[in-house]
Protein backbone atom coordinates (compact mmCIF):
# COMPACT_ATOMS: atom_id res chain seq x y z
CA MET A 1 -44.69 -73.83 -39.96
CA ILE A 2 -44.57 -71.09 -42.74
CA ILE A 3 -47.07 -68.10 -43.37
CA GLY A 4 -47.32 -65.09 -45.31
CA ASP A 5 -49.18 -63.20 -47.95
CA THR A 6 -50.64 -65.20 -51.18
CA ASP A 7 -48.23 -63.58 -53.58
CA SER A 8 -45.08 -63.85 -51.25
CA ASP A 9 -42.12 -65.84 -51.91
CA LYS A 10 -42.31 -67.88 -48.68
CA ASN A 11 -42.33 -71.06 -50.64
CA MET A 12 -38.62 -70.71 -51.66
CA ILE A 13 -37.78 -70.83 -48.32
CA ILE A 14 -38.00 -74.71 -48.70
CA ASN A 15 -35.55 -74.57 -51.05
CA HIS A 16 -32.91 -73.98 -49.06
CA ILE A 17 -33.43 -76.36 -45.81
CA ASN A 18 -31.87 -80.14 -46.71
CA ASP A 19 -32.55 -81.43 -43.30
CA LYS A 20 -35.11 -84.27 -43.71
CA ASN A 21 -35.46 -84.01 -39.81
CA ILE A 22 -37.48 -80.79 -39.95
CA HIS A 23 -40.60 -80.83 -41.46
CA LEU A 24 -42.25 -77.53 -42.79
CA SER A 25 -45.45 -76.64 -43.93
CA VAL A 26 -46.45 -73.58 -45.95
CA PHE A 27 -50.05 -71.66 -45.47
CA ASP A 28 -51.33 -68.02 -47.12
CA TYR A 29 -53.46 -66.26 -44.82
CA LYS A 30 -56.27 -63.82 -44.92
CA LYS A 31 -58.31 -61.99 -42.59
CA ILE A 32 -62.32 -61.97 -42.31
CA ASN A 33 -64.70 -60.12 -40.25
CA ILE A 34 -67.56 -61.30 -38.32
CA ASP A 35 -69.78 -59.67 -35.79
CA ASN A 36 -67.38 -56.77 -35.94
CA LYS A 37 -64.54 -59.38 -34.76
CA ASN A 38 -61.65 -60.35 -37.20
CA HIS A 39 -60.85 -64.13 -37.91
CA TYR A 40 -57.98 -65.42 -39.80
CA LEU A 41 -58.40 -67.82 -41.90
CA PHE A 42 -55.24 -70.13 -43.47
CA LYS A 43 -54.77 -72.62 -46.45
CA ILE A 44 -52.38 -74.44 -48.48
CA PRO A 45 -51.16 -72.60 -51.80
CA GLY A 46 -53.26 -74.26 -54.55
CA LYS A 47 -55.77 -75.84 -51.72
CA ASP A 48 -59.67 -74.56 -51.61
CA GLU A 49 -59.84 -75.77 -48.07
CA TYR A 50 -59.12 -72.94 -45.51
CA LYS A 51 -58.75 -73.61 -41.36
CA SER A 52 -59.53 -71.47 -38.91
CA SER A 53 -56.91 -69.94 -36.63
CA ASP A 54 -58.24 -72.11 -33.53
CA GLU A 55 -57.48 -75.60 -35.91
CA ILE A 56 -54.08 -73.91 -36.77
CA PHE A 57 -52.89 -73.27 -33.38
CA SER A 58 -54.42 -76.53 -31.71
CA GLN A 59 -52.38 -78.63 -34.05
CA GLY A 60 -48.80 -78.37 -31.27
CA LEU A 61 -47.06 -75.85 -34.05
CA ASP A 62 -43.31 -76.51 -33.25
CA GLY A 63 -42.91 -72.62 -34.48
CA ILE A 64 -43.88 -70.31 -36.73
CA ILE A 65 -41.87 -68.63 -39.80
CA PHE A 66 -43.75 -65.40 -40.46
CA PHE A 67 -42.84 -64.03 -43.85
CA ILE A 68 -43.51 -60.64 -44.45
CA GLU A 69 -42.54 -59.08 -48.16
CA ASN A 70 -40.59 -55.55 -47.74
CA GLN A 71 -41.80 -54.04 -50.68
CA GLN A 72 -45.46 -54.68 -49.00
CA GLY A 73 -44.64 -53.53 -45.46
CA PHE A 74 -45.50 -54.48 -42.00
CA LYS A 75 -49.19 -53.99 -42.14
CA ASP A 76 -52.28 -53.39 -39.25
CA ASP A 77 -53.32 -56.94 -40.36
CA ASP A 78 -49.44 -58.18 -39.90
CA GLN A 79 -49.44 -56.99 -36.05
CA GLU A 80 -52.50 -58.24 -35.33
CA LEU A 81 -51.38 -62.06 -36.86
CA ASN A 82 -48.21 -61.52 -35.36
CA ASP A 83 -50.35 -60.39 -31.36
CA LEU A 84 -52.30 -63.68 -32.16
CA ILE A 85 -49.40 -65.99 -32.40
CA VAL A 86 -47.76 -64.47 -29.20
CA LYS A 87 -51.00 -64.73 -27.43
CA ASN A 88 -50.89 -68.44 -28.28
CA SER A 89 -47.45 -69.04 -26.86
CA VAL A 90 -46.20 -70.22 -30.61
CA PRO A 91 -42.04 -69.49 -30.81
CA HIS A 92 -41.61 -67.67 -33.98
CA VAL A 93 -39.73 -65.50 -36.45
CA ILE A 94 -40.42 -62.72 -38.64
CA PHE A 95 -38.53 -62.86 -41.86
CA ILE A 96 -38.19 -59.74 -43.98
CA ASN A 97 -37.61 -60.53 -47.64
CA ARG A 98 -35.83 -58.19 -49.94
CA GLU A 99 -34.29 -57.93 -53.37
CA ASP A 100 -31.21 -55.81 -52.16
CA LEU A 101 -30.06 -56.61 -48.31
CA SER A 102 -28.93 -52.87 -48.40
CA ASN A 103 -32.39 -51.65 -48.62
CA THR A 104 -33.34 -50.72 -45.28
CA ASN A 105 -36.52 -48.67 -45.18
CA GLN A 106 -38.97 -51.28 -43.67
CA LYS A 107 -38.44 -50.99 -39.94
CA ILE A 108 -40.82 -53.32 -37.49
CA ASP A 109 -40.74 -52.28 -33.90
CA LEU A 110 -41.51 -55.59 -32.16
CA GLU A 111 -40.32 -56.92 -28.54
CA ASP A 112 -39.34 -60.14 -28.04
CA VAL A 113 -39.68 -61.00 -31.69
CA PHE A 114 -36.36 -61.61 -33.60
CA ILE A 115 -36.59 -60.22 -37.18
CA ILE A 116 -33.91 -61.49 -39.86
CA PRO A 117 -33.43 -59.80 -43.02
CA THR A 118 -33.81 -62.09 -46.15
CA MET A 119 -33.70 -62.58 -49.53
CA ALA A 120 -35.63 -65.78 -50.18
CA ARG A 121 -34.76 -66.93 -53.68
CA GLU A 122 -30.90 -66.95 -52.90
CA GLY A 123 -31.79 -68.43 -49.46
CA ILE A 124 -29.61 -65.57 -47.80
CA GLY A 125 -30.79 -65.13 -44.11
CA VAL A 126 -32.99 -68.75 -44.40
CA ILE A 127 -30.45 -71.11 -42.23
CA ASP A 128 -29.84 -68.40 -40.10
CA GLY A 129 -33.21 -67.67 -39.13
CA LEU A 130 -34.22 -71.12 -39.22
CA ARG A 131 -31.53 -71.94 -36.47
CA ILE A 132 -32.81 -68.95 -34.09
CA LEU A 133 -36.58 -70.33 -34.27
CA ILE A 134 -35.15 -73.73 -33.32
CA LYS A 135 -33.48 -72.41 -30.31
CA LEU A 136 -36.35 -70.94 -29.51
CA ILE A 137 -38.58 -73.60 -29.86
CA GLU A 138 -36.22 -75.60 -27.57
CA GLU A 139 -35.73 -73.07 -24.77
CA SER A 140 -39.84 -72.93 -25.08
CA THR A 141 -40.05 -77.06 -24.63
CA LYS A 142 -37.52 -76.44 -21.64
CA LYS A 143 -40.12 -73.75 -20.08
CA ASN A 144 -43.14 -75.99 -20.70
CA ILE A 145 -41.40 -78.97 -18.91
CA LYS A 146 -40.46 -77.12 -16.29
CA LYS A 147 -44.32 -75.74 -15.83
CA PHE A 148 -45.42 -79.43 -15.90
CA ASP A 149 -42.94 -80.82 -13.33
CA ASN A 150 -43.71 -77.75 -10.94
CA LYS A 151 -47.50 -78.66 -11.52
CA LYS A 152 -46.70 -82.32 -10.71
CA LEU A 153 -44.59 -81.28 -7.47
CA SER A 154 -47.52 -78.86 -6.30
CA ALA A 155 -50.43 -82.01 -6.60
CA GLU A 156 -48.07 -84.09 -4.73
CA GLN A 157 -47.73 -81.69 -1.95
CA SER A 158 -51.48 -81.35 -1.91
CA GLN A 159 -52.82 -81.27 1.57
CA PHE A 160 -55.83 -83.05 0.54
CA CYS A 161 -56.96 -85.95 -1.50
CA LYS A 162 -60.02 -87.64 -3.01
CA LEU A 163 -60.30 -91.35 -2.09
CA SER A 164 -62.50 -93.56 -4.03
CA ILE A 165 -63.04 -97.48 -3.44
CA LEU A 166 -64.98 -100.02 -5.06
CA PHE A 167 -66.60 -102.75 -3.61
CA HIS A 168 -69.56 -105.46 -4.26
CA PRO A 169 -73.10 -103.83 -2.24
CA ILE A 170 -73.20 -106.99 -0.20
CA GLU A 171 -69.96 -105.08 1.70
CA LEU A 172 -71.38 -101.76 2.09
CA GLU A 173 -72.07 -101.96 5.78
CA ASN A 174 -69.02 -103.61 6.43
CA VAL A 175 -67.25 -100.87 4.94
CA LYS A 176 -68.73 -98.18 6.28
CA LYS A 177 -68.76 -99.90 9.81
CA SER A 178 -64.94 -100.01 9.67
CA LEU A 179 -64.55 -96.76 7.92
CA GLU A 180 -66.35 -95.10 10.96
CA ASN A 181 -64.02 -97.29 13.53
CA PHE A 182 -61.06 -95.56 11.89
CA GLY A 183 -63.34 -91.76 12.36
CA PHE A 184 -64.09 -91.36 8.61
CA SER A 185 -67.68 -90.99 8.57
CA ASN A 186 -68.24 -88.21 6.02
CA ILE A 187 -68.13 -90.25 3.04
CA THR A 188 -70.27 -90.23 -0.40
CA LEU A 189 -71.85 -93.44 -1.94
CA ILE A 190 -72.30 -94.09 -5.87
CA GLU A 191 -73.87 -97.22 -7.48
CA THR A 192 -71.73 -97.78 -10.42
CA LYS A 193 -71.23 -100.25 -12.95
CA PHE A 194 -67.98 -102.66 -13.40
CA ILE A 195 -66.38 -104.51 -16.44
CA GLU A 196 -64.79 -107.91 -15.61
CA LYS A 197 -62.59 -109.14 -18.63
CA ILE A 198 -62.68 -112.48 -17.64
CA ILE A 199 -64.77 -113.45 -14.51
CA LYS A 200 -68.68 -113.59 -15.89
CA ARG A 201 -71.40 -113.91 -13.00
CA LYS A 202 -74.40 -115.69 -13.38
CA GLU A 203 -77.90 -113.91 -11.67
CA VAL A 204 -81.36 -115.61 -11.36
CA TYR A 205 -84.42 -113.28 -12.39
CA ARG A 206 -88.05 -114.37 -12.35
CA ALA A 207 -86.87 -118.24 -12.34
CA SER A 208 -84.28 -117.25 -15.22
CA SER A 209 -80.44 -117.28 -15.45
CA TYR A 210 -78.19 -114.63 -16.91
CA ASP A 211 -74.84 -113.98 -17.51
CA ILE A 212 -73.66 -110.48 -16.05
CA THR A 213 -70.66 -108.83 -17.46
CA LEU A 214 -71.51 -105.68 -15.98
CA PRO A 215 -71.89 -106.28 -12.23
CA SER A 216 -72.90 -103.98 -9.98
CA LYS A 217 -70.98 -102.31 -7.60
CA MET A 218 -70.73 -99.42 -4.72
CA GLU A 219 -68.17 -96.37 -5.06
CA ILE A 220 -67.09 -94.75 -1.83
CA THR A 221 -65.66 -91.43 -2.19
CA LEU A 222 -64.26 -88.80 0.84
CA ILE A 223 -61.89 -86.21 0.86
CA THR A 224 -59.37 -86.56 3.83
CA GLU A 225 -56.17 -85.04 4.63
CA ARG A 226 -53.08 -86.79 2.64
CA GLU A 227 -51.49 -87.94 5.98
CA ASN A 228 -54.90 -90.25 6.43
CA ILE A 229 -54.20 -92.46 3.94
CA PRO A 230 -52.56 -95.30 5.40
CA TYR A 231 -55.59 -95.35 8.28
CA VAL A 232 -58.22 -95.63 5.10
CA ILE A 233 -55.99 -98.36 4.02
CA GLN A 234 -55.89 -100.42 7.26
CA ALA A 235 -59.39 -100.21 7.36
CA MET A 236 -59.80 -102.01 3.91
CA GLU A 237 -57.37 -103.97 4.90
CA ASN A 238 -59.43 -105.11 8.03
CA ILE A 239 -62.57 -106.75 5.50
CA ALA A 240 -60.08 -107.76 2.74
CA ASN A 241 -61.56 -110.29 0.74
CA GLU A 242 -63.10 -111.12 -3.30
CA ASN A 243 -65.72 -108.39 -2.89
CA ILE A 244 -63.37 -105.27 -2.45
CA TYR A 245 -61.72 -104.29 -5.62
CA GLU A 246 -57.79 -104.61 -4.75
CA LYS A 247 -57.28 -100.81 -5.77
CA MET A 248 -57.88 -97.88 -4.40
CA LEU A 249 -58.04 -94.91 -6.70
CA ILE A 250 -55.87 -91.27 -5.16
CA SER A 251 -56.61 -87.89 -6.51
CA PRO A 252 -55.12 -84.01 -5.48
CA VAL A 253 -57.40 -81.65 -4.15
CA ASP A 254 -56.23 -78.48 -4.33
CA GLU A 255 -58.74 -76.74 -1.67
CA VAL A 256 -61.81 -77.45 -0.31
CA ILE A 257 -64.41 -74.91 0.36
CA ARG A 258 -67.87 -75.39 2.59
CA ILE A 259 -70.23 -73.34 0.11
CA ARG A 260 -72.59 -72.35 3.07
CA THR A 261 -70.13 -71.10 5.70
CA GLY A 262 -67.02 -70.24 3.58
CA GLU A 263 -64.92 -72.52 5.88
CA LYS A 264 -61.60 -73.84 3.84
CA GLY A 265 -59.13 -76.56 4.83
CA GLU A 266 -59.46 -78.71 7.17
CA ARG A 267 -62.81 -77.18 9.18
CA ALA A 268 -64.61 -77.54 5.76
CA VAL A 269 -63.70 -81.41 5.44
CA ASP A 270 -64.62 -82.35 9.07
């Protein structure tokens, strides 16, 4: 994404990029003030429709080229917009466009931002700046993958987990008794409906027969330590039949807190 003032030469950048794998969109931007708070709006040149900064940043941008005309200078609005880009963790570079690269009177003091002198009409500095941006995007992608892997690992190592088991209401007492025999009594019961794609059931109400596509189900949920999962499975295997749903859903739980006493972990589960 390329952003810049309405009257800037930012559109010229696209003329010097021939790689079909790189998709660039150009946007004008302007600032509005609502309730003493600044907001930035973006629109494609020649179009009337504006998009908010929230809409723009929620689109999953890979990177941004922030285009500044040297003669206009780096204004307070530009600084604020740059801070907004940083806040949203979008890789970006700043192109300072000049008619003459020897003209270096525009100085910008920004930390951790690559500033590339360019001559957009001639294409000078454009490819170099784009290569830097691509490298920043690759580094950002690697960091995000690492964060995801760490989050996944943390979830897998969670001490506690939430178990959900679905079954026919007729098996309620058998399920409760079997779980209690294995020491699991702190459970929650939920009455729910269950979609069955193939099996149709019939129920009789006031001498009339009805096809049931959403039969009633009971769901038991319980919080337990991960090491106890095999015992829950064994308890369910003891009563396994067609009325017991064949899957048990397991979700990691970061922490358990008993609100009344402030107890945490194992003490809060018991």
